[in-house]
Amino acid sequence: MVLFRRQLGDVLRSERMRRGMTLRELSSEARVSLGYISEIERGQKEASSELLASLCDALEVPLSEVLREVSDTVAAEERVLSGIPVDIAPTRGGDVVASAA
């Protein structure tokens, strides 16, 4: 089963690390407890929309970008679990698009 919260945590952690921020810095900037952010990044807690907005603001990344990346990752995992090759994905219009891996 694909867990949205785990994928969200991975994306948020990657974005934080890409920006060279520590959990402490993100906690201070977003005004969210360090422990709670850590649990979100590990996929152990669900983030409310308000909390997610605070984290995205602190990371200077649009919420839509984070959700798009999570959605893409969830879709890829679903394809793997259903036996569909990851490098071939249907588009919204139903066309099949092969990507270079």
PDB file of N, CA and C in Angstrom:
ATOM      1  N   MET A   1       0.832  -1.178   0.000  1.00  0.00           N
ATOM      2  CA  MET A   1       0.000   0.000   0.000  1.00  0.00           C
ATOM      3  C   MET A   1       0.882   1.249   0.000  1.00  0.00           C
ATOM      4  N   VAL A   2       0.491   2.225  -0.791  1.00  0.00           N
ATOM      5  CA  VAL A   2       1.225   3.476  -0.877  1.00  0.00           C
ATOM      6  C   VAL A   2       0.670   4.440   0.169  1.00  0.00           C
ATOM      7  N   LEU A   3       1.529   4.956   1.027  1.00  0.00           N
ATOM      8  CA  LEU A   3       1.095   5.909   2.045  1.00  0.00           C
ATOM      9  C   LEU A   3       1.475   7.320   1.624  1.00  0.00           C
ATOM     10  N   PHE A   4       0.465   8.154   1.479  1.00  0.00           N
ATOM     11  CA  PHE A   4       0.679   9.540   1.100  1.00  0.00           C
ATOM     12  C   PHE A   4       1.593  10.245   2.092  1.00  0.00           C
ATOM     13  N   ARG A   5       1.365  10.003   3.401  1.00  0.00           N
ATOM     14  CA  ARG A   5       2.145  10.719   4.409  1.00  0.00           C
ATOM     15  C   ARG A   5       3.631  10.372   4.324  1.00  0.00           C
ATOM     16  N   ARG A   6       3.951   9.144   3.946  1.00  0.00           N
ATOM     17  CA  ARG A   6       5.363   8.756   3.821  1.00  0.00           C
ATOM     18  C   ARG A   6       6.009   9.478   2.637  1.00  0.00           C
ATOM     19  N   GLN A   7       5.277   9.531   1.531  1.00  0.00           N
ATOM     20  CA  GLN A   7       5.797  10.225   0.346  1.00  0.00           C
ATOM     21  C   GLN A   7       5.933  11.718   0.616  1.00  0.00           C
ATOM     22  N   LEU A   8       4.956  12.303   1.299  1.00  0.00           N
ATOM     23  CA  LEU A   8       5.017  13.717   1.643  1.00  0.00           C
ATOM     24  C   LEU A   8       6.235  13.998   2.513  1.00  0.00           C
ATOM     25  N   GLY A   9       6.457  13.152   3.500  1.00  0.00           N
ATOM     26  CA  GLY A   9       7.623  13.318   4.370  1.00  0.00           C
ATOM     27  C   GLY A   9       8.928  13.252   3.600  1.00  0.00           C
ATOM     28  N   ASP A  10       9.015  12.322   2.659  1.00  0.00           N
ATOM     29  CA  ASP A  10      10.235  12.204   1.841  1.00  0.00           C
ATOM     30  C   ASP A  10      10.476  13.461   1.016  1.00  0.00           C
ATOM     31  N   VAL A  11       9.404  13.996   0.432  1.00  0.00           N
ATOM     32  CA  VAL A  11       9.534  15.198  -0.394  1.00  0.00           C
ATOM     33  C   VAL A  11       9.939  16.394   0.468  1.00  0.00           C
ATOM     34  N   LEU A  12       9.307  16.545   1.613  1.00  0.00           N
ATOM     35  CA  LEU A  12       9.655  17.663   2.493  1.00  0.00           C
ATOM     36  C   LEU A  12      11.094  17.556   2.991  1.00  0.00           C
ATOM     37  N   ARG A  13      11.525  16.353   3.368  1.00  0.00           N
ATOM     38  CA  ARG A  13      12.900  16.164   3.824  1.00  0.00           C
ATOM     39  C   ARG A  13      13.892  16.484   2.709  1.00  0.00           C
ATOM     40  N   SER A  14      13.597  16.001   1.512  1.00  0.00           N
ATOM     41  CA  SER A  14      14.487  16.268   0.371  1.00  0.00           C
ATOM     42  C   SER A  14      14.605  17.759   0.096  1.00  0.00           C
ATOM     43  N   GLU A  15      13.483  18.450   0.167  1.00  0.00           N
ATOM     44  CA  GLU A  15      13.490  19.901  -0.073  1.00  0.00           C
ATOM     45  C   GLU A  15      14.271  20.623   1.021  1.00  0.00           C
ATOM     46  N   ARG A  16      14.084  20.214   2.264  1.00  0.00           N
ATOM     47  CA  ARG A  16      14.825  20.831   3.368  1.00  0.00           C
ATOM     48  C   ARG A  16      16.321  20.619   3.210  1.00  0.00           C
ATOM     49  N   MET A  17      16.701  19.398   2.885  1.00  0.00           N
ATOM     50  CA  MET A  17      18.121  19.084   2.736  1.00  0.00           C
ATOM     51  C   MET A  17      18.719  19.783   1.509  1.00  0.00           C
ATOM     52  N   ARG A  18      17.931  19.858   0.434  1.00  0.00           N
ATOM     53  CA  ARG A  18      18.404  20.546  -0.768  1.00  0.00           C
ATOM     54  C   ARG A  18      18.724  22.009  -0.464  1.00  0.00           C
ATOM     55  N   ARG A  19      17.963  22.583   0.426  1.00  0.00           N
ATOM     56  CA  ARG A  19      18.171  23.979   0.812  1.00  0.00           C
ATOM     57  C   ARG A  19      19.225  24.118   1.922  1.00  0.00           C
ATOM     58  N   GLY A  20      19.742  22.990   2.398  1.00  0.00           N
ATOM     59  CA  GLY A  20      20.774  23.024   3.429  1.00  0.00           C
ATOM     60  C   GLY A  20      20.258  23.445   4.795  1.00  0.00           C
ATOM     61  N   MET A  21      18.974  23.205   5.039  1.00  0.00           N
ATOM     62  CA  MET A  21      18.383  23.580   6.323  1.00  0.00           C
ATOM     63  C   MET A  21      18.401  22.399   7.287  1.00  0.00           C
ATOM     64  N   THR A  22      18.609  22.708   8.549  1.00  0.00           N
ATOM     65  CA  THR A  22      18.484  21.689   9.586  1.00  0.00           C
ATOM     66  C   THR A  22      17.027  21.651  10.049  1.00  0.00           C
ATOM     67  N   LEU A  23      16.681  20.587  10.756  1.00  0.00           N
ATOM     68  CA  LEU A  23      15.346  20.519  11.350  1.00  0.00           C
ATOM     69  C   LEU A  23      15.118  21.700  12.287  1.00  0.00           C
ATOM     70  N   ARG A  24      16.132  22.065  13.022  1.00  0.00           N
ATOM     71  CA  ARG A  24      16.028  23.179  13.968  1.00  0.00           C
ATOM     72  C   ARG A  24      15.731  24.486  13.237  1.00  0.00           C
ATOM     73  N   GLU A  25      16.412  24.715  12.116  1.00  0.00           N
ATOM     74  CA  GLU A  25      16.170  25.940  11.342  1.00  0.00           C
ATOM     75  C   GLU A  25      14.755  25.966  10.774  1.00  0.00           C
ATOM     76  N   LEU A  26      14.327  24.833  10.231  1.00  0.00           N
ATOM     77  CA  LEU A  26      12.976  24.751   9.681  1.00  0.00           C
ATOM     78  C   LEU A  26      11.940  24.935  10.783  1.00  0.00           C
ATOM     79  N   SER A  27      12.180  24.326  11.924  1.00  0.00           N
ATOM     80  CA  SER A  27      11.280  24.443  13.059  1.00  0.00           C
ATOM     81  C   SER A  27      11.116  25.908  13.471  1.00  0.00           C
ATOM     82  N   SER A  28      12.220  26.606  13.563  1.00  0.00           N
ATOM     83  CA  SER A  28      12.191  28.010  13.956  1.00  0.00           C
ATOM     84  C   SER A  28      11.475  28.868  12.912  1.00  0.00           C
ATOM     85  N   GLU A  29      11.800  28.651  11.660  1.00  0.00           N
ATOM     86  CA  GLU A  29      11.224  29.447  10.569  1.00  0.00           C
ATOM     87  C   GLU A  29       9.725  29.184  10.409  1.00  0.00           C
ATOM     88  N   ALA A  30       9.309  27.922  10.527  1.00  0.00           N
ATOM     89  CA  ALA A  30       7.901  27.555  10.322  1.00  0.00           C
ATOM     90  C   ALA A  30       7.077  27.670  11.610  1.00  0.00           C
ATOM     91  N   ARG A  31       7.778  27.825  12.740  1.00  0.00           N
ATOM     92  CA  ARG A  31       7.117  27.874  14.046  1.00  0.00           C
ATOM     93  C   ARG A  31       6.317  26.598  14.327  1.00  0.00           C
ATOM     94  N   VAL A  32       6.995  25.487  14.058  1.00  0.00           N
ATOM     95  CA  VAL A  32       6.441  24.155  14.294  1.00  0.00           C
ATOM     96  C   VAL A  32       7.494  23.392  15.089  1.00  0.00           C
ATOM     97  N   SER A  33       7.071  22.580  16.039  1.00  0.00           N
ATOM     98  CA  SER A  33       8.043  21.886  16.876  1.00  0.00           C
ATOM     99  C   SER A  33       8.934  20.965  16.038  1.00  0.00           C
ATOM    100  N   LEU A  34      10.184  20.917  16.423  1.00  0.00           N
ATOM    101  CA  LEU A  34      11.179  20.097  15.736  1.00  0.00           C
ATOM    102  C   LEU A  34      10.743  18.637  15.718  1.00  0.00           C
ATOM    103  N   GLY A  35      10.262  18.138  16.851  1.00  0.00           N
ATOM    104  CA  GLY A  35       9.844  16.742  16.933  1.00  0.00           C
ATOM    105  C   GLY A  35       8.700  16.423  15.990  1.00  0.00           C
ATOM    106  N   TYR A  36       7.769  17.360  15.862  1.00  0.00           N
ATOM    107  CA  TYR A  36       6.621  17.120  14.990  1.00  0.00           C
ATOM    108  C   TYR A  36       7.062  17.101  13.525  1.00  0.00           C
ATOM    109  N   ILE A  37       7.948  18.008  13.151  1.00  0.00           N
ATOM    110  CA  ILE A  37       8.468  18.012  11.774  1.00  0.00           C
ATOM    111  C   ILE A  37       9.195  16.702  11.497  1.00  0.00           C
ATOM    112  N   SER A  38       9.965  16.244  12.456  1.00  0.00           N
ATOM    113  CA  SER A  38      10.684  14.986  12.290  1.00  0.00           C
ATOM    114  C   SER A  38       9.713  13.827  12.061  1.00  0.00           C
ATOM    115  N   GLU A  39       8.621  13.803  12.820  1.00  0.00           N
ATOM    116  CA  GLU A  39       7.630  12.739  12.638  1.00  0.00           C
ATOM    117  C   GLU A  39       6.943  12.836  11.272  1.00  0.00           C
ATOM    118  N   ILE A  40       6.702  14.044  10.807  1.00  0.00           N
ATOM    119  CA  ILE A  40       6.114  14.230   9.476  1.00  0.00           C
ATOM    120  C   ILE A  40       7.080  13.728   8.406  1.00  0.00           C
ATOM    121  N   GLU A  41       8.343  14.101   8.522  1.00  0.00           N
ATOM    122  CA  GLU A  41       9.344  13.670   7.541  1.00  0.00           C
ATOM    123  C   GLU A  41       9.502  12.158   7.516  1.00  0.00           C
ATOM    124  N   ARG A  42       9.294  11.494   8.636  1.00  0.00           N
ATOM    125  CA  ARG A  42       9.402  10.032   8.696  1.00  0.00           C
ATOM    126  C   ARG A  42       8.098   9.330   8.347  1.00  0.00           C
ATOM    127  N   GLY A  43       7.064  10.112   8.017  1.00  0.00           N
ATOM    128  CA  GLY A  43       5.784   9.536   7.625  1.00  0.00           C
ATOM    129  C   GLY A  43       4.978   8.986   8.782  1.00  0.00           C
ATOM    130  N   GLN A  44       5.290   9.423   9.983  1.00  0.00           N
ATOM    131  CA  GLN A  44       4.593   8.924  11.163  1.00  0.00           C
ATOM    132  C   GLN A  44       3.397   9.780  11.558  1.00  0.00           C
ATOM    133  N   LYS A  45       3.356  11.030  11.093  1.00  0.00           N
ATOM    134  CA  LYS A  45       2.256  11.943  11.415  1.00  0.00           C
ATOM    135  C   LYS A  45       1.723  12.559  10.130  1.00  0.00           C
ATOM    136  N   GLU A  46       0.429  12.852  10.138  1.00  0.00           N
ATOM    137  CA  GLU A  46      -0.214  13.557   9.036  1.00  0.00           C
ATOM    138  C   GLU A  46      -0.038  15.060   9.261  1.00  0.00           C
ATOM    139  N   ALA A  47       0.234  15.790   8.220  1.00  0.00           N
ATOM    140  CA  ALA A  47       0.355  17.244   8.319  1.00  0.00           C
ATOM    141  C   ALA A  47      -0.964  17.880   7.924  1.00  0.00           C
ATOM    142  N   SER A  48      -1.465  18.800   8.757  1.00  0.00           N
ATOM    143  CA  SER A  48      -2.665  19.534   8.396  1.00  0.00           C
ATOM    144  C   SER A  48      -2.333  20.490   7.251  1.00  0.00           C
ATOM    145  N   SER A  49      -3.341  20.994   6.602  1.00  0.00           N
ATOM    146  CA  SER A  49      -3.108  21.925   5.494  1.00  0.00           C
ATOM    147  C   SER A  49      -2.412  23.197   5.996  1.00  0.00           C
ATOM    148  N   GLU A  50      -2.760  23.658   7.188  1.00  0.00           N
ATOM    149  CA  GLU A  50      -2.125  24.852   7.748  1.00  0.00           C
ATOM    150  C   GLU A  50      -0.650  24.596   8.052  1.00  0.00           C
ATOM    151  N   LEU A  51      -0.373  23.444   8.630  1.00  0.00           N
ATOM    152  CA  LEU A  51       1.012  23.101   8.949  1.00  0.00           C
ATOM    153  C   LEU A  51       1.831  22.937   7.677  1.00  0.00           C
ATOM    154  N   LEU A  52       1.259  22.285   6.692  1.00  0.00           N
ATOM    155  CA  LEU A  52       1.948  22.095   5.419  1.00  0.00           C
ATOM    156  C   LEU A  52       2.233  23.442   4.759  1.00  0.00           C
ATOM    157  N   ALA A  53       1.283  24.356   4.833  1.00  0.00           N
ATOM    158  CA  ALA A  53       1.496  25.691   4.275  1.00  0.00           C
ATOM    159  C   ALA A  53       2.644  26.404   4.994  1.00  0.00           C
ATOM    160  N   SER A  54       2.722  26.266   6.321  1.00  0.00           N
ATOM    161  CA  SER A  54       3.816  26.881   7.086  1.00  0.00           C
ATOM    162  C   SER A  54       5.172  26.298   6.692  1.00  0.00           C
ATOM    163  N   LEU A  55       5.212  24.978   6.527  1.00  0.00           N
ATOM    164  CA  LEU A  55       6.472  24.336   6.132  1.00  0.00           C
ATOM    165  C   LEU A  55       6.891  24.779   4.737  1.00  0.00           C
ATOM    166  N   CYS A  56       5.941  24.827   3.814  1.00  0.00           N
ATOM    167  CA  CYS A  56       6.257  25.250   2.445  1.00  0.00           C
ATOM    168  C   CYS A  56       6.723  26.699   2.411  1.00  0.00           C
ATOM    169  N   ASP A  57       6.079  27.557   3.199  1.00  0.00           N
ATOM    170  CA  ASP A  57       6.517  28.958   3.270  1.00  0.00           C
ATOM    171  C   ASP A  57       7.943  29.045   3.786  1.00  0.00           C
ATOM    172  N   ALA A  58       8.237  28.294   4.839  1.00  0.00           N
ATOM    173  CA  ALA A  58       9.581  28.313   5.422  1.00  0.00           C
ATOM    174  C   ALA A  58      10.619  27.764   4.455  1.00  0.00           C
ATOM    175  N   LEU A  59      10.211  26.801   3.632  1.00  0.00           N
ATOM    176  CA  LEU A  59      11.122  26.205   2.647  1.00  0.00           C
ATOM    177  C   LEU A  59      11.162  27.006   1.338  1.00  0.00           C
ATOM    178  N   GLU A  60      10.306  28.025   1.259  1.00  0.00           N
ATOM    179  CA  GLU A  60      10.209  28.861   0.061  1.00  0.00           C
ATOM    180  C   GLU A  60       9.941  28.022  -1.183  1.00  0.00           C
ATOM    181  N   VAL A  61       8.975  27.113  -1.045  1.00  0.00           N
ATOM    182  CA  VAL A  61       8.574  26.249  -2.153  1.00  0.00           C
ATOM    183  C   VAL A  61       7.047  26.282  -2.220  1.00  0.00           C
ATOM    184  N   PRO A  62       6.494  26.419  -3.417  1.00  0.00           N
ATOM    185  CA  PRO A  62       5.033  26.429  -3.522  1.00  0.00           C
ATOM    186  C   PRO A  62       4.418  25.104  -3.076  1.00  0.00           C
ATOM    187  N   LEU A  63       3.312  25.200  -2.369  1.00  0.00           N
ATOM    188  CA  LEU A  63       2.595  24.008  -1.938  1.00  0.00           C
ATOM    189  C   LEU A  63       2.245  23.133  -3.139  1.00  0.00           C
ATOM    190  N   SER A  64       1.843  23.762  -4.235  1.00  0.00           N
ATOM    191  CA  SER A  64       1.476  22.999  -5.430  1.00  0.00           C
ATOM    192  C   SER A  64       2.640  22.172  -5.954  1.00  0.00           C
ATOM    193  N   GLU A  65       3.856  22.679  -5.842  1.00  0.00           N
ATOM    194  CA  GLU A  65       5.044  21.943  -6.290  1.00  0.00           C
ATOM    195  C   GLU A  65       5.281  20.711  -5.417  1.00  0.00           C
ATOM    196  N   VAL A  66       5.132  20.872  -4.112  1.00  0.00           N
ATOM    197  CA  VAL A  66       5.300  19.749  -3.185  1.00  0.00           C
ATOM    198  C   VAL A  66       4.245  18.685  -3.469  1.00  0.00           C
ATOM    199  N   LEU A  67       2.997  19.107  -3.604  1.00  0.00           N
ATOM    200  CA  LEU A  67       1.917  18.150  -3.846  1.00  0.00           C
ATOM    201  C   LEU A  67       2.060  17.467  -5.202  1.00  0.00           C
ATOM    202  N   ARG A  68       2.552  18.194  -6.207  1.00  0.00           N
ATOM    203  CA  ARG A  68       2.773  17.593  -7.524  1.00  0.00           C
ATOM    204  C   ARG A  68       3.839  16.507  -7.445  1.00  0.00           C
ATOM    205  N   GLU A  69       4.927  16.802  -6.730  1.00  0.00           N
ATOM    206  CA  GLU A  69       5.997  15.809  -6.601  1.00  0.00           C
ATOM    207  C   GLU A  69       5.510  14.581  -5.832  1.00  0.00           C
ATOM    208  N   VAL A  70       4.744  14.796  -4.771  1.00  0.00           N
ATOM    209  CA  VAL A  70       4.190  13.677  -4.011  1.00  0.00           C
ATOM    210  C   VAL A  70       3.264  12.856  -4.903  1.00  0.00           C
ATOM    211  N   SER A  71       2.413  13.537  -5.654  1.00  0.00           N
ATOM    212  CA  SER A  71       1.473  12.856  -6.544  1.00  0.00           C
ATOM    213  C   SER A  71       2.204  12.008  -7.580  1.00  0.00           C
ATOM    214  N   ASP A  72       3.254  12.555  -8.164  1.00  0.00           N
ATOM    215  CA  ASP A  72       4.035  11.812  -9.155  1.00  0.00           C
ATOM    216  C   ASP A  72       4.668  10.571  -8.532  1.00  0.00           C
ATOM    217  N   THR A  73       5.174  10.706  -7.322  1.00  0.00           N
ATOM    218  CA  THR A  73       5.811   9.582  -6.635  1.00  0.00           C
ATOM    219  C   THR A  73       4.783   8.508  -6.279  1.00  0.00           C
ATOM    220  N   VAL A  74       3.627   8.925  -5.791  1.00  0.00           N
ATOM    221  CA  VAL A  74       2.560   7.982  -5.462  1.00  0.00           C
ATOM    222  C   VAL A  74       2.125   7.238  -6.722  1.00  0.00           C
ATOM    223  N   ALA A  75       1.956   7.965  -7.824  1.00  0.00           N
ATOM    224  CA  ALA A  75       1.542   7.333  -9.085  1.00  0.00           C
ATOM    225  C   ALA A  75       2.567   6.295  -9.540  1.00  0.00           C
ATOM    226  N   ALA A  76       3.847   6.610  -9.426  1.00  0.00           N
ATOM    227  CA  ALA A  76       4.890   5.663  -9.826  1.00  0.00           C
ATOM    228  C   ALA A  76       4.844   4.410  -8.953  1.00  0.00           C
ATOM    229  N   GLU A  77       4.651   4.589  -7.658  1.00  0.00           N
ATOM    230  CA  GLU A  77       4.568   3.423  -6.765  1.00  0.00           C
ATOM    231  C   GLU A  77       3.341   2.579  -7.073  1.00  0.00           C
ATOM    232  N   GLU A  78       2.227   3.221  -7.385  1.00  0.00           N
ATOM    233  CA  GLU A  78       1.024   2.481  -7.737  1.00  0.00           C
ATOM    234  C   GLU A  78       1.235   1.660  -9.006  1.00  0.00           C
ATOM    235  N   ARG A  79       1.950   2.237  -9.974  1.00  0.00           N
ATOM    236  CA  ARG A  79       2.237   1.494 -11.208  1.00  0.00           C
ATOM    237  C   ARG A  79       3.095   0.279 -10.898  1.00  0.00           C
ATOM    238  N   VAL A  80       4.083   0.438 -10.056  1.00  0.00           N
ATOM    239  CA  VAL A  80       4.943  -0.688  -9.687  1.00  0.00           C
ATOM    240  C   VAL A  80       4.112  -1.768  -9.000  1.00  0.00           C
ATOM    241  N   LEU A  81       3.276  -1.373  -8.057  1.00  0.00           N
ATOM    242  CA  LEU A  81       2.461  -2.346  -7.317  1.00  0.00           C
ATOM    243  C   LEU A  81       1.454  -3.057  -8.211  1.00  0.00           C
ATOM    244  N   SER A  82       1.013  -2.393  -9.285  1.00  0.00           N
ATOM    245  CA  SER A  82       0.045  -3.023 -10.181  1.00  0.00           C
ATOM    246  C   SER A  82       0.719  -3.776 -11.328  1.00  0.00           C
ATOM    247  N   GLY A  83       2.040  -3.743 -11.367  1.00  0.00           N
ATOM    248  CA  GLY A  83       2.777  -4.477 -12.391  1.00  0.00           C
ATOM    249  C   GLY A  83       2.993  -3.722 -13.685  1.00  0.00           C
ATOM    250  N   ILE A  84       2.641  -2.439 -13.722  1.00  0.00           N
ATOM    251  CA  ILE A  84       2.853  -1.619 -14.915  1.00  0.00           C
ATOM    252  C   ILE A  84       4.282  -1.098 -14.872  1.00  0.00           C
ATOM    253  N   PRO A  85       5.027  -1.214 -15.971  1.00  0.00           N
ATOM    254  CA  PRO A  85       6.398  -0.687 -15.982  1.00  0.00           C
ATOM    255  C   PRO A  85       6.415   0.801 -15.647  1.00  0.00           C
ATOM    256  N   VAL A  86       7.368   1.209 -14.844  1.00  0.00           N
ATOM    257  CA  VAL A  86       7.453   2.596 -14.379  1.00  0.00           C
ATOM    258  C   VAL A  86       7.771   3.557 -15.507  1.00  0.00           C
ATOM    259  N   ASP A  87       8.499   3.114 -16.519  1.00  0.00           N
ATOM    260  CA  ASP A  87       8.897   4.043 -17.583  1.00  0.00           C
ATOM    261  C   ASP A  87       7.801   4.264 -18.616  1.00  0.00           C
ATOM    262  N   ILE A  88       6.645   3.648 -18.451  1.00  0.00           N
ATOM    263  CA  ILE A  88       5.529   3.853 -19.363  1.00  0.00           C
ATOM    264  C   ILE A  88       4.335   4.290 -18.525  1.00  0.00           C
ATOM    265  N   ALA A  89       3.870   5.512 -18.775  1.00  0.00           N
ATOM    266  CA  ALA A  89       2.784   6.047 -17.965  1.00  0.00           C
ATOM    267  C   ALA A  89       1.704   6.645 -18.846  1.00  0.00           C
ATOM    268  N   PRO A  90       0.438   6.311 -18.576  1.00  0.00           N
ATOM    269  CA  PRO A  90      -0.635   6.933 -19.341  1.00  0.00           C
ATOM    270  C   PRO A  90      -0.793   8.397 -18.953  1.00  0.00           C
ATOM    271  N   THR A  91      -1.111   9.231 -19.924  1.00  0.00           N
ATOM    272  CA  THR A  91      -1.391  10.632 -19.645  1.00  0.00           C
ATOM    273  C   THR A  91      -2.856  10.765 -19.301  1.00  0.00           C
ATOM    274  N   ARG A  92      -3.282  11.937 -18.894  1.00  0.00           N
ATOM    275  CA  ARG A  92      -4.682  12.157 -18.539  1.00  0.00           C
ATOM    276  C   ARG A  92      -5.604  11.912 -19.729  1.00  0.00           C
ATOM    277  N   GLY A  93      -5.114  12.133 -20.929  1.00  0.00           N
ATOM    278  CA  GLY A  93      -5.933  11.919 -22.111  1.00  0.00           C
ATOM    279  C   GLY A  93      -6.006  10.458 -22.529  1.00  0.00           C
ATOM    280  N   GLY A  94      -5.274   9.590 -21.851  1.00  0.00           N
ATOM    281  CA  GLY A  94      -5.300   8.170 -22.162  1.00  0.00           C
ATOM    282  C   GLY A  94      -4.157   7.721 -23.047  1.00  0.00           C
ATOM    283  N   ASP A  95      -3.403   8.661 -23.631  1.00  0.00           N
ATOM    284  CA  ASP A  95      -2.249   8.289 -24.442  1.00  0.00           C
ATOM    285  C   ASP A  95      -1.170   7.713 -23.551  1.00  0.00           C
ATOM    286  N   VAL A  96      -0.376   6.841 -24.097  1.00  0.00           N
ATOM    287  CA  VAL A  96       0.721   6.262 -23.340  1.00  0.00           C
ATOM    288  C   VAL A  96       1.993   6.975 -23.744  1.00  0.00           C
ATOM    289  N   VAL A  97       2.739   7.411 -22.747  1.00  0.00           N
ATOM    290  CA  VAL A  97       3.983   8.124 -22.994  1.00  0.00           C
ATOM    291  C   VAL A  97       5.114   7.346 -22.358  1.00  0.00           C
ATOM    292  N   ALA A  98       6.144   7.073 -23.131  1.00  0.00           N
ATOM    293  CA  ALA A  98       7.322   6.381 -22.605  1.00  0.00           C
ATOM    294  C   ALA A  98       8.359   7.437 -22.283  1.00  0.00           C
ATOM    295  N   SER A  99       8.959   7.303 -21.109  1.00  0.00           N
ATOM    296  CA  SER A  99      10.004   8.253 -20.735  1.00  0.00           C
ATOM    297  C   SER A  99      11.337   7.542 -20.716  1.00  0.00           C
ATOM    298  N   ALA A 100      12.378   8.297 -20.988  1.00  0.00           N
ATOM    299  CA  ALA A 100      13.733   7.738 -20.942  1.00  0.00           C
ATOM    300  C   ALA A 100      14.149   7.573 -19.507  1.00  0.00           C
ATOM    301  N   ALA A 101      14.579   6.396 -19.174  1.00  0.00           N
ATOM    302  CA  ALA A 101      14.982   6.161 -17.776  1.00  0.00           C
ATOM    303  C   ALA A 101      16.479   6.131 -17.661  1.00  0.00           C
TER     304      ALA A 101
END
